[in-house]
């Protein structure tokens, strides 16, 4: 395994109460594999990615867990060690490129400084590397764009600059947080191909955070479904799409627009407010058509539902017990 996340917990200690933004999340990732991290806005996907890089700002804090990158627990490292690792060994494409780029430095300077801080290239070589990656990602006139400031580029161009900076260092683990949101379909396809190339050429492991289940179906090997800060289902991509077991996963898949449909379907209700969220019930119960009495009394844990597939649902627990009793009775 190149990355193992065990019982990761990131909490925000606010004046109004406790927010469990990431609540006991565990998963693992092999070299060359892609994990699709999916769920509605506010479910904890982006905060999971930020936690992996140790970029949680106060009042947030990682309170428990392990993040093992190549066997090293990143939570035991100091800031100087983390700065050497970020970018080269584990990197992130952020959702908002404007806030991630320095407004007073040119694009070229930002790309080359990132490359120079992690490689033995000369300044000229780093500059050419930056031009090469901007060209690969479809940015027109890359030599000219290198001299631009962020405000001189469109949102889609800034996003491609962020992606180019991350891919140029060919990290072992790449966290891509909604990397294609601001881009048109042609550029989206181009960027997905570049991410696939990084995966194939360097055996890079990728965590792809997205709302787009179509991209996940195309790109991912495994899928982790998040709701209210926790994983509710985890498994191989074929299992999740062909045989989803958690009601929330089923609802997400059913909400996709299908060919010939004129109206989108939605999950009824709203995601819960994570502030002081009750820990003694299933967070999805208020929106779940299958909720029963146990769902309001205890938060379910992930349990195996098939080979390499887990889900957190009391309904599945009762089905499992029924099967066991049937076998015993036979």
Protein backbone atom coordinates (compact mmCIF):
# COMPACT_ATOMS: atom_id res chain seq x y z
CA UNK A 1 0.00 0.00 0.00
CA UNK A 2 1.23 3.48 -0.81
CA UNK A 3 -1.37 5.14 1.46
CA UNK A 4 -3.27 3.85 4.48
CA UNK A 5 -5.71 6.03 6.39
CA UNK A 6 -6.85 4.64 9.72
CA UNK A 7 -9.61 6.05 11.92
CA UNK A 8 -8.96 9.64 10.77
CA UNK A 9 -10.86 12.22 12.82
CA UNK A 10 -10.82 15.96 12.11
CA UNK A 11 -12.92 18.14 14.40
CA UNK A 12 -13.71 21.85 14.47
CA UNK A 13 -14.05 23.40 17.91
CA UNK A 14 -16.37 26.35 17.34
CA UNK A 15 -18.02 28.72 19.84
CA UNK A 16 -21.35 27.08 19.00
CA UNK A 17 -20.15 23.52 19.47
CA UNK A 18 -18.26 20.61 17.94
CA UNK A 19 -18.21 19.81 14.22
CA UNK A 20 -16.97 16.33 13.33
CA UNK A 21 -15.96 17.15 9.77
CA UNK A 22 -14.12 13.84 9.29
CA UNK A 23 -15.36 11.11 11.61
CA UNK A 24 -13.40 7.85 11.89
CA UNK A 25 -12.58 7.53 8.19
CA UNK A 26 -10.41 4.60 7.04
CA UNK A 27 -9.31 3.48 3.58
CA UNK A 28 -6.21 2.29 1.74
CA UNK A 29 -4.78 2.87 -1.72
CA UNK A 30 -2.38 0.82 -3.82
CA UNK A 31 0.12 2.31 -6.31
CA UNK A 32 -1.48 3.01 -9.67
CA UNK A 33 -5.05 2.85 -8.32
CA UNK A 34 -7.74 5.55 -8.28
CA UNK A 35 -10.14 6.05 -5.38
CA UNK A 36 -13.27 8.06 -6.15
CA UNK A 37 -14.42 10.00 -3.07
CA UNK A 38 -18.05 11.01 -3.61
CA UNK A 39 -20.94 12.60 -1.75
CA UNK A 40 -22.95 15.80 -1.52
CA UNK A 41 -21.43 19.18 -0.67
CA UNK A 42 -20.46 19.49 2.98
CA UNK A 43 -20.09 15.76 3.57
CA UNK A 44 -16.37 15.98 4.41
CA UNK A 45 -14.69 15.06 1.12
CA UNK A 46 -12.48 18.15 0.75
CA UNK A 47 -11.67 18.21 4.47
CA UNK A 48 -10.50 14.60 4.20
CA UNK A 49 -8.12 15.65 1.42
CA UNK A 50 -6.82 18.65 3.40
CA UNK A 51 -6.33 16.44 6.46
CA UNK A 52 -4.13 14.06 4.48
CA UNK A 53 -1.75 16.94 3.75
CA UNK A 54 -1.90 18.39 7.27
CA UNK A 55 -3.54 21.58 6.01
CA UNK A 56 -6.31 21.91 8.57
CA UNK A 57 -6.51 25.46 9.94
CA UNK A 58 -7.83 26.45 13.41
CA UNK A 59 -10.35 25.99 14.87
CA UNK A 60 -10.01 22.66 13.07
CA UNK A 61 -7.70 19.93 14.38
CA UNK A 62 -6.87 16.32 13.53
CA UNK A 63 -7.68 14.67 16.86
CA UNK A 64 -7.05 11.00 16.11
CA UNK A 65 -6.00 8.48 13.50
CA UNK A 66 -3.06 7.57 11.30
CA UNK A 67 -2.05 8.67 7.80
CA UNK A 68 0.56 6.22 6.58
CA UNK A 69 2.40 7.28 3.41
CA UNK A 70 4.94 4.64 2.47
CA UNK A 71 4.76 3.36 6.04
CA UNK A 72 5.43 6.76 7.68
CA UNK A 73 2.72 8.30 9.82
CA UNK A 74 2.43 11.87 8.54
CA UNK A 75 0.74 12.92 11.78
CA UNK A 76 4.03 12.32 13.62
CA UNK A 77 6.07 14.60 11.34
CA UNK A 78 6.98 18.24 11.92
CA UNK A 79 6.01 21.04 9.57
CA UNK A 80 9.45 21.20 7.89
CA UNK A 81 9.28 17.47 7.05
CA UNK A 82 5.73 17.85 5.75
CA UNK A 83 6.77 20.73 3.49
CA UNK A 84 9.38 18.47 1.85
CA UNK A 85 6.79 15.75 1.33
CA UNK A 86 3.94 17.96 0.08
CA UNK A 87 4.07 18.37 -3.67
CA UNK A 88 6.65 15.69 -4.38
CA UNK A 89 5.26 12.64 -2.57
CA UNK A 90 1.68 13.72 -1.93
CA UNK A 91 0.06 16.64 -3.74
CA UNK A 92 -3.36 18.21 -4.05
CA UNK A 93 -5.19 20.01 -6.81
CA UNK A 94 -7.36 22.47 -4.91
CA UNK A 95 -10.97 23.22 -5.74
CA UNK A 96 -10.50 27.02 -5.83
CA UNK A 97 -7.45 27.95 -7.94
CA UNK A 98 -7.81 31.69 -7.34
CA UNK A 99 -7.30 31.37 -3.59
CA UNK A 100 -4.48 28.84 -4.09
CA UNK A 101 -2.37 30.96 -6.45
CA UNK A 102 -0.31 33.93 -5.24
CA UNK A 103 -1.86 37.04 -6.87
CA UNK A 104 1.41 39.03 -6.91
CA UNK A 105 3.61 36.38 -8.58
CA UNK A 106 3.53 35.36 -12.22
CA UNK A 107 2.29 31.91 -13.19
CA UNK A 108 5.76 30.96 -14.42
CA UNK A 109 7.44 31.92 -11.18
CA UNK A 110 4.95 29.94 -9.11
CA UNK A 111 5.33 26.81 -11.22
CA UNK A 112 9.14 26.97 -11.40
CA UNK A 113 9.57 27.68 -7.69
CA UNK A 114 7.46 24.63 -6.88
CA UNK A 115 9.51 22.45 -9.24
CA UNK A 116 12.85 23.83 -8.00
CA UNK A 117 11.94 23.24 -4.33
CA UNK A 118 11.57 19.50 -4.94
CA UNK A 119 14.01 18.69 -7.77
CA UNK A 120 17.61 19.31 -8.84
CA UNK A 121 16.57 21.05 -12.08
CA UNK A 122 18.07 24.37 -13.10
CA UNK A 123 15.80 27.41 -13.30
CA UNK A 124 15.79 27.17 -17.09
CA UNK A 125 14.85 23.48 -17.02
CA UNK A 126 12.05 24.14 -14.54
CA UNK A 127 10.74 26.95 -16.75
CA UNK A 128 10.66 24.63 -19.78
CA UNK A 129 8.99 21.93 -17.70
CA UNK A 130 6.27 24.40 -16.75
CA UNK A 131 5.70 25.33 -20.41
CA UNK A 132 5.53 21.65 -21.36
CA UNK A 133 2.85 20.86 -18.78
CA UNK A 134 0.75 23.93 -19.61
CA UNK A 135 0.84 22.86 -23.26
CA UNK A 136 -0.11 19.28 -22.36
CA UNK A 137 -3.11 20.59 -20.45
CA UNK A 138 -4.36 22.60 -23.40
CA UNK A 139 -3.44 26.13 -22.29
CA UNK A 140 -2.98 28.21 -25.47
CA UNK A 141 0.33 30.04 -25.95
CA UNK A 142 1.95 28.59 -22.80
CA UNK A 143 5.20 30.54 -23.24
CA UNK A 144 3.17 33.74 -23.08
CA UNK A 145 0.92 32.58 -20.22
CA UNK A 146 3.94 31.85 -18.02
CA UNK A 147 4.47 35.62 -17.77
CA UNK A 148 0.86 36.34 -16.78
CA UNK A 149 -0.47 36.97 -13.27
CA UNK A 150 -3.41 34.88 -12.01
CA UNK A 151 -5.94 37.70 -12.47
CA UNK A 152 -5.08 37.79 -16.19
CA UNK A 153 -6.34 34.23 -16.68
CA UNK A 154 -9.86 32.85 -16.73
CA UNK A 155 -11.06 30.48 -14.00
CA UNK A 156 -10.58 27.47 -16.27
CA UNK A 157 -7.04 28.56 -17.19
CA UNK A 158 -6.13 29.03 -13.52
CA UNK A 159 -7.42 25.56 -12.79
CA UNK A 160 -5.20 24.12 -15.51
CA UNK A 161 -2.21 25.98 -14.03
CA UNK A 162 -2.90 24.32 -10.67
CA UNK A 163 -3.19 20.91 -12.30
CA UNK A 164 0.01 21.45 -14.30
CA UNK A 165 1.90 22.40 -11.13
CA UNK A 166 0.74 19.25 -9.35
CA UNK A 167 1.37 16.87 -12.26
CA UNK A 168 4.82 18.31 -13.03
CA UNK A 169 6.23 16.81 -9.84
CA UNK A 170 4.69 13.38 -10.55
CA UNK A 171 3.70 12.68 -6.92
CA UNK A 172 3.20 9.21 -5.48
CA UNK A 173 -0.27 10.24 -4.30
CA UNK A 174 -2.36 12.91 -6.03
CA UNK A 175 -5.51 14.30 -4.39
CA UNK A 176 -7.69 15.93 -7.04
CA UNK A 177 -10.50 18.00 -5.50
CA UNK A 178 -13.14 18.65 -8.18
CA UNK A 179 -10.35 19.31 -10.72
CA UNK A 180 -12.62 19.64 -13.77
CA UNK A 181 -15.53 21.64 -12.33
CA UNK A 182 -14.74 24.97 -14.04
CA UNK A 183 -13.76 23.45 -17.38
CA UNK A 184 -15.64 22.68 -20.58
CA UNK A 185 -16.16 19.07 -21.65
CA UNK A 186 -13.26 19.00 -24.13
CA UNK A 187 -10.74 20.24 -21.57
CA UNK A 188 -12.23 17.94 -18.91
CA UNK A 189 -11.56 14.94 -21.13
CA UNK A 190 -8.01 16.17 -21.82
CA UNK A 191 -7.23 16.56 -18.12
CA UNK A 192 -8.68 13.17 -17.23
CA UNK A 193 -6.42 11.63 -19.89
CA UNK A 194 -3.38 13.37 -18.37
CA UNK A 195 -4.30 12.06 -14.92
CA UNK A 196 -4.65 8.56 -16.39
CA UNK A 197 -1.22 8.96 -18.00
CA UNK A 198 0.31 9.94 -14.64
CA UNK A 199 -1.33 6.88 -13.15
CA UNK A 200 0.06 4.56 -15.83
CA UNK A 201 3.56 6.02 -16.27
CA UNK A 202 4.43 6.59 -12.61
CA UNK A 203 2.08 4.18 -10.81
CA UNK A 204 0.73 7.21 -8.96
CA UNK A 205 -2.21 6.61 -6.64
CA UNK A 206 -5.03 9.11 -7.04
CA UNK A 207 -7.87 10.25 -4.79
CA UNK A 208 -10.45 11.84 -7.08
CA UNK A 209 -12.93 13.99 -5.15
CA UNK A 210 -15.97 14.80 -7.24
CA UNK A 211 -19.75 15.12 -7.57
CA UNK A 212 -19.55 13.70 -11.10
CA UNK A 213 -20.40 10.02 -10.85
CA UNK A 214 -19.79 9.63 -14.59
CA UNK A 215 -16.13 10.58 -14.13
CA UNK A 216 -15.86 8.19 -11.19
CA UNK A 217 -17.28 5.33 -13.27
CA UNK A 218 -14.71 6.02 -15.98
CA UNK A 219 -11.66 6.70 -13.86
CA UNK A 220 -11.88 4.99 -10.46
CA UNK A 221 -10.94 1.51 -9.32
CA UNK A 222 -12.52 1.94 -5.88
CA UNK A 223 -15.26 4.22 -4.55
CA UNK A 224 -15.73 5.66 -1.07
CA UNK A 225 -19.13 7.26 -0.41
CA UNK A 226 -19.19 9.92 2.34
CA UNK A 227 -22.13 11.29 4.26
CA UNK A 228 -22.02 13.64 7.27
CA UNK A 229 -18.27 13.20 7.71
CA UNK A 230 -18.28 9.38 7.66
CA UNK A 231 -17.87 6.66 5.07
CA UNK A 232 -21.20 4.91 4.47
CA UNK A 233 -20.05 2.61 1.65
CA UNK A 234 -16.70 1.50 0.28
CA UNK A 235 -15.84 -0.97 -2.46
CA UNK A 236 -14.77 -1.71 -6.02
CA UNK A 237 -16.24 0.63 -8.63
CA UNK A 238 -18.23 -2.16 -10.32
CA UNK A 239 -19.75 -3.20 -6.99
CA UNK A 240 -20.78 0.32 -6.05
CA UNK A 241 -22.36 1.11 -9.43
CA UNK A 242 -23.90 -2.29 -10.15
CA UNK A 243 -24.87 -3.37 -6.61
CA UNK A 244 -24.99 -0.36 -4.25
CA UNK A 245 -25.96 -1.53 -0.77
CA UNK A 246 -26.40 1.65 1.26
CA UNK A 247 -29.64 3.63 0.74
CA UNK A 248 -27.65 6.85 0.34
CA UNK A 249 -25.45 5.35 -2.39
CA UNK A 250 -28.59 4.09 -4.14
CA UNK A 251 -30.14 7.55 -3.90
CA UNK A 252 -27.00 9.22 -5.31
CA UNK A 253 -26.97 6.88 -8.30
CA UNK A 254 -30.71 7.30 -8.87
CA UNK A 255 -30.34 11.10 -8.89
CA UNK A 256 -28.22 11.00 -12.04
CA UNK A 257 -29.88 12.28 -15.21
CA UNK A 258 -30.55 9.43 -17.60
CA UNK A 259 -30.82 9.59 -21.37
CA UNK A 260 -34.29 10.70 -22.39
CA UNK A 261 -35.22 12.15 -19.00
CA UNK A 262 -36.41 15.76 -18.95
CA UNK A 263 -36.31 16.28 -15.21
CA UNK A 264 -33.60 15.48 -12.70
CA UNK A 265 -34.41 13.41 -9.62
CA UNK A 266 -33.27 14.60 -6.21
CA UNK A 267 -32.67 13.09 -2.80
CA UNK A 268 -35.48 14.42 -0.57
CA UNK A 269 -34.50 16.63 2.35
CA UNK A 270 -31.18 18.30 3.07
CA UNK A 271 -27.82 17.03 4.36
CA UNK A 272 -27.56 17.41 8.16
CA UNK A 273 -25.88 20.28 9.94
CA UNK A 274 -22.68 18.77 11.34
CA UNK A 275 -22.73 21.12 14.33
CA UNK A 276 -23.44 18.97 17.40
CA UNK A 277 -24.71 16.15 15.18
CA UNK A 278 -26.16 13.35 17.36
CA UNK A 279 -23.77 10.40 17.56
CA UNK A 280 -26.45 7.91 18.63
CA UNK A 281 -28.33 7.66 15.33
CA UNK A 282 -27.77 7.19 11.59
CA UNK A 283 -27.18 10.61 10.06
CA UNK A 284 -29.08 9.61 6.90
CA UNK A 285 -32.16 8.37 8.78
CA UNK A 286 -34.21 11.61 8.36
CA UNK A 287 -33.91 11.30 4.54
CA UNK A 288 -33.95 7.51 4.23
CA UNK A 289 -37.10 5.78 2.93
CA UNK A 290 -35.97 2.54 4.58
CA UNK A 291 -35.25 3.95 8.07
CA UNK A 292 -36.48 1.81 10.96
CA UNK A 293 -36.37 2.03 14.75
CA UNK A 294 -32.69 0.97 15.18
CA UNK A 295 -31.60 3.77 12.82
CA UNK A 296 -32.71 6.38 15.37
CA UNK A 297 -30.97 4.70 18.31
CA UNK A 298 -27.46 3.84 17.14
CA UNK A 299 -25.00 4.97 14.47
CA UNK A 300 -24.22 1.99 12.20
CA UNK A 301 -20.63 0.87 11.52
CA UNK A 302 -19.12 -0.31 8.26
CA UNK A 303 -19.60 -4.05 7.88
CA UNK A 304 -18.64 -6.44 5.04
CA UNK A 305 -21.55 -6.94 2.65
CA UNK A 306 -19.63 -8.80 -0.07
CA UNK A 307 -16.01 -9.43 -1.01
CA UNK A 308 -14.14 -6.09 -0.89
CA UNK A 309 -17.37 -4.16 -0.24
CA UNK A 310 -18.48 -2.56 3.02
CA UNK A 311 -21.52 -0.50 4.01
CA UNK A 312 -22.83 1.11 7.20
CA UNK A 313 -26.55 0.36 7.47
CA UNK A 314 -28.69 -1.32 10.17
CA UNK A 315 -30.83 -2.89 7.44
CA UNK A 316 -27.78 -4.77 6.15
CA UNK A 317 -26.89 -5.86 9.68
CA UNK A 318 -30.35 -7.38 10.14
CA UNK A 319 -30.13 -9.08 6.73
CA UNK A 320 -26.77 -10.55 7.71
CA UNK A 321 -28.23 -11.93 10.95
CA UNK A 322 -31.20 -13.38 9.04
CA UNK A 323 -28.87 -15.21 6.67
CA UNK A 324 -26.84 -16.58 9.59
CA UNK A 325 -30.01 -17.80 11.33
CA UNK A 326 -31.22 -19.40 8.10
CA UNK A 327 -27.95 -21.31 7.78
CA UNK A 328 -28.11 -22.44 11.42
CA UNK A 329 -31.75 -23.49 11.06
CA UNK A 330 -30.97 -25.52 7.95
